[in-house]
Amino acid sequence: MRLTERDRWSLEALAKMRFLATGQIARLFFGSTWGANKRLRRLFDAGLVRVWLRSLAAENVYSITRVGVRVLDADAGVGESIPRGLDGNLKHLLAINDVRISLALGVPA
């Protein structure tokens, strides 16, 4: 699989924020949920991200895998921890990540 710059940004965000919901990734990098789902599926198929299903009614949650970290280590020196399971405070963590995303999108380039 050939990684785009947006793929690398998505992987870096997952490495730094640990867990991101589909909508959060779409807001950060894609603009549409459909485009985010399509690309995240390719990253999942390549073994770079892991998907967590909380329930059928909730958005999927994504985290980075060891393979994803290795891909980033070659380029960005990212060495964050890899989640082995869903965080017990997942709702809180996703809310914190919402604030981070709002700040990132609100600050002028």
Protein backbone atom coordinates (compact mmCIF):
# COMPACT_ATOMS: atom_id res chain seq x y z
CA MET A 1 0.00 0.00 0.00
CA ARG A 2 1.24 3.44 -0.85
CA LEU A 3 0.77 5.91 2.00
CA THR A 4 -0.31 9.46 1.28
CA GLU A 5 0.66 12.46 3.36
CA ARG A 6 -2.84 12.47 4.84
CA ASP A 7 -2.40 8.81 5.83
CA ARG A 8 0.77 9.71 7.72
CA TRP A 9 -0.99 12.61 9.44
CA SER A 10 -3.82 10.26 10.44
CA LEU A 11 -1.36 7.71 11.83
CA GLU A 12 0.53 10.42 13.75
CA ALA A 13 -2.72 11.67 15.25
CA LEU A 14 -3.63 8.14 16.34
CA ALA A 15 -0.18 7.64 17.84
CA LYS A 16 -0.44 10.87 19.83
CA MET A 17 -4.11 10.74 20.87
CA ARG A 18 -4.34 6.93 21.34
CA PHE A 19 -8.00 6.60 20.25
CA LEU A 20 -10.03 8.54 17.69
CA ALA A 21 -13.59 8.01 16.51
CA THR A 22 -14.42 7.99 12.80
CA GLY A 23 -16.04 11.42 13.00
CA GLN A 24 -12.99 12.91 14.70
CA ILE A 25 -10.65 11.65 11.99
CA ALA A 26 -13.06 12.88 9.33
CA ARG A 27 -13.14 16.38 10.87
CA LEU A 28 -9.37 16.54 11.11
CA PHE A 29 -8.31 15.24 7.72
CA PHE A 30 -11.15 14.42 5.32
CA GLY A 31 -14.19 16.68 5.48
CA SER A 32 -16.56 13.77 4.90
CA THR A 33 -17.24 10.61 6.87
CA TRP A 34 -17.55 8.61 3.66
CA GLY A 35 -13.99 9.50 2.58
CA ALA A 36 -12.64 8.82 6.04
CA ASN A 37 -14.32 5.40 6.18
CA LYS A 38 -12.93 4.44 2.79
CA ARG A 39 -9.35 5.39 3.66
CA LEU A 40 -9.49 3.98 7.20
CA ARG A 41 -10.62 0.67 5.72
CA ARG A 42 -7.49 0.62 3.55
CA LEU A 43 -5.27 1.44 6.54
CA PHE A 44 -7.03 -1.34 8.48
CA ASP A 45 -6.54 -3.84 5.64
CA ALA A 46 -2.83 -2.91 5.55
CA GLY A 47 -2.55 -3.62 9.28
CA LEU A 48 -1.66 -0.02 10.21
CA VAL A 49 -4.71 0.70 12.37
CA ARG A 50 -6.97 -1.33 14.61
CA VAL A 51 -10.72 -0.81 14.79
CA TRP A 52 -12.71 -1.12 18.00
CA LEU A 53 -16.47 -1.71 17.83
CA ARG A 54 -18.19 -0.39 20.95
CA SER A 55 -21.71 -1.08 19.74
CA LEU A 56 -23.60 -1.17 16.47
CA ALA A 57 -25.09 2.27 17.19
CA ALA A 58 -21.78 4.00 18.03
CA GLU A 59 -19.01 5.18 15.74
CA ASN A 60 -15.97 2.96 15.32
CA VAL A 61 -12.92 3.86 17.37
CA TYR A 62 -9.44 3.52 15.86
CA SER A 63 -5.97 3.10 17.31
CA ILE A 64 -2.55 2.58 15.78
CA THR A 65 -0.88 -0.84 15.57
CA ARG A 66 2.77 -1.86 15.92
CA VAL A 67 3.08 -1.90 12.14
CA GLY A 68 1.70 1.63 11.99
CA VAL A 69 4.20 2.83 14.59
CA ARG A 70 7.06 1.19 12.65
CA VAL A 71 5.98 3.02 9.50
CA LEU A 72 6.03 6.32 11.40
CA ASP A 73 9.29 5.60 13.23
CA ALA A 74 11.11 5.56 9.92
CA ASP A 75 9.89 9.07 9.13
CA ALA A 76 8.74 10.98 12.19
CA GLY A 77 10.34 9.38 15.22
CA VAL A 78 6.95 8.66 16.81
CA GLY A 79 7.27 6.11 19.59
CA GLU A 80 3.99 6.34 21.50
CA SER A 81 2.40 3.45 23.35
CA ILE A 82 0.17 1.05 21.47
CA PRO A 83 -3.23 0.37 23.09
CA ARG A 84 -3.89 -3.29 23.86
CA GLY A 85 -7.55 -2.74 24.69
CA LEU A 86 -10.12 -0.01 24.95
CA ASP A 87 -9.34 2.52 27.66
CA GLY A 88 -11.65 2.39 30.68
CA ASN A 89 -12.13 6.14 30.38
CA LEU A 90 -12.75 6.07 26.63
CA LYS A 91 -15.59 8.63 26.70
CA HIS A 92 -13.38 11.04 28.63
CA LEU A 93 -10.42 10.48 26.31
CA LEU A 94 -12.57 11.02 23.21
CA ALA A 95 -13.95 14.24 24.75
CA ILE A 96 -10.39 15.48 25.40
CA ASN A 97 -9.52 14.63 21.81
CA ASP A 98 -12.57 16.64 20.66
CA VAL A 99 -11.11 19.66 22.44
CA ARG A 100 -7.69 19.05 20.88
CA ILE A 101 -9.26 18.79 17.42
CA SER A 102 -11.28 21.98 17.93
CA LEU A 103 -8.12 23.80 18.95
CA ALA A 104 -6.16 22.43 16.00
CA LEU A 105 -8.88 23.42 13.53
CA GLY A 106 -9.42 26.81 15.15
CA VAL A 107 -5.80 27.96 15.15
CA PRO A 108 -4.76 29.65 11.91
CA ALA A 109 -2.05 27.87 9.97
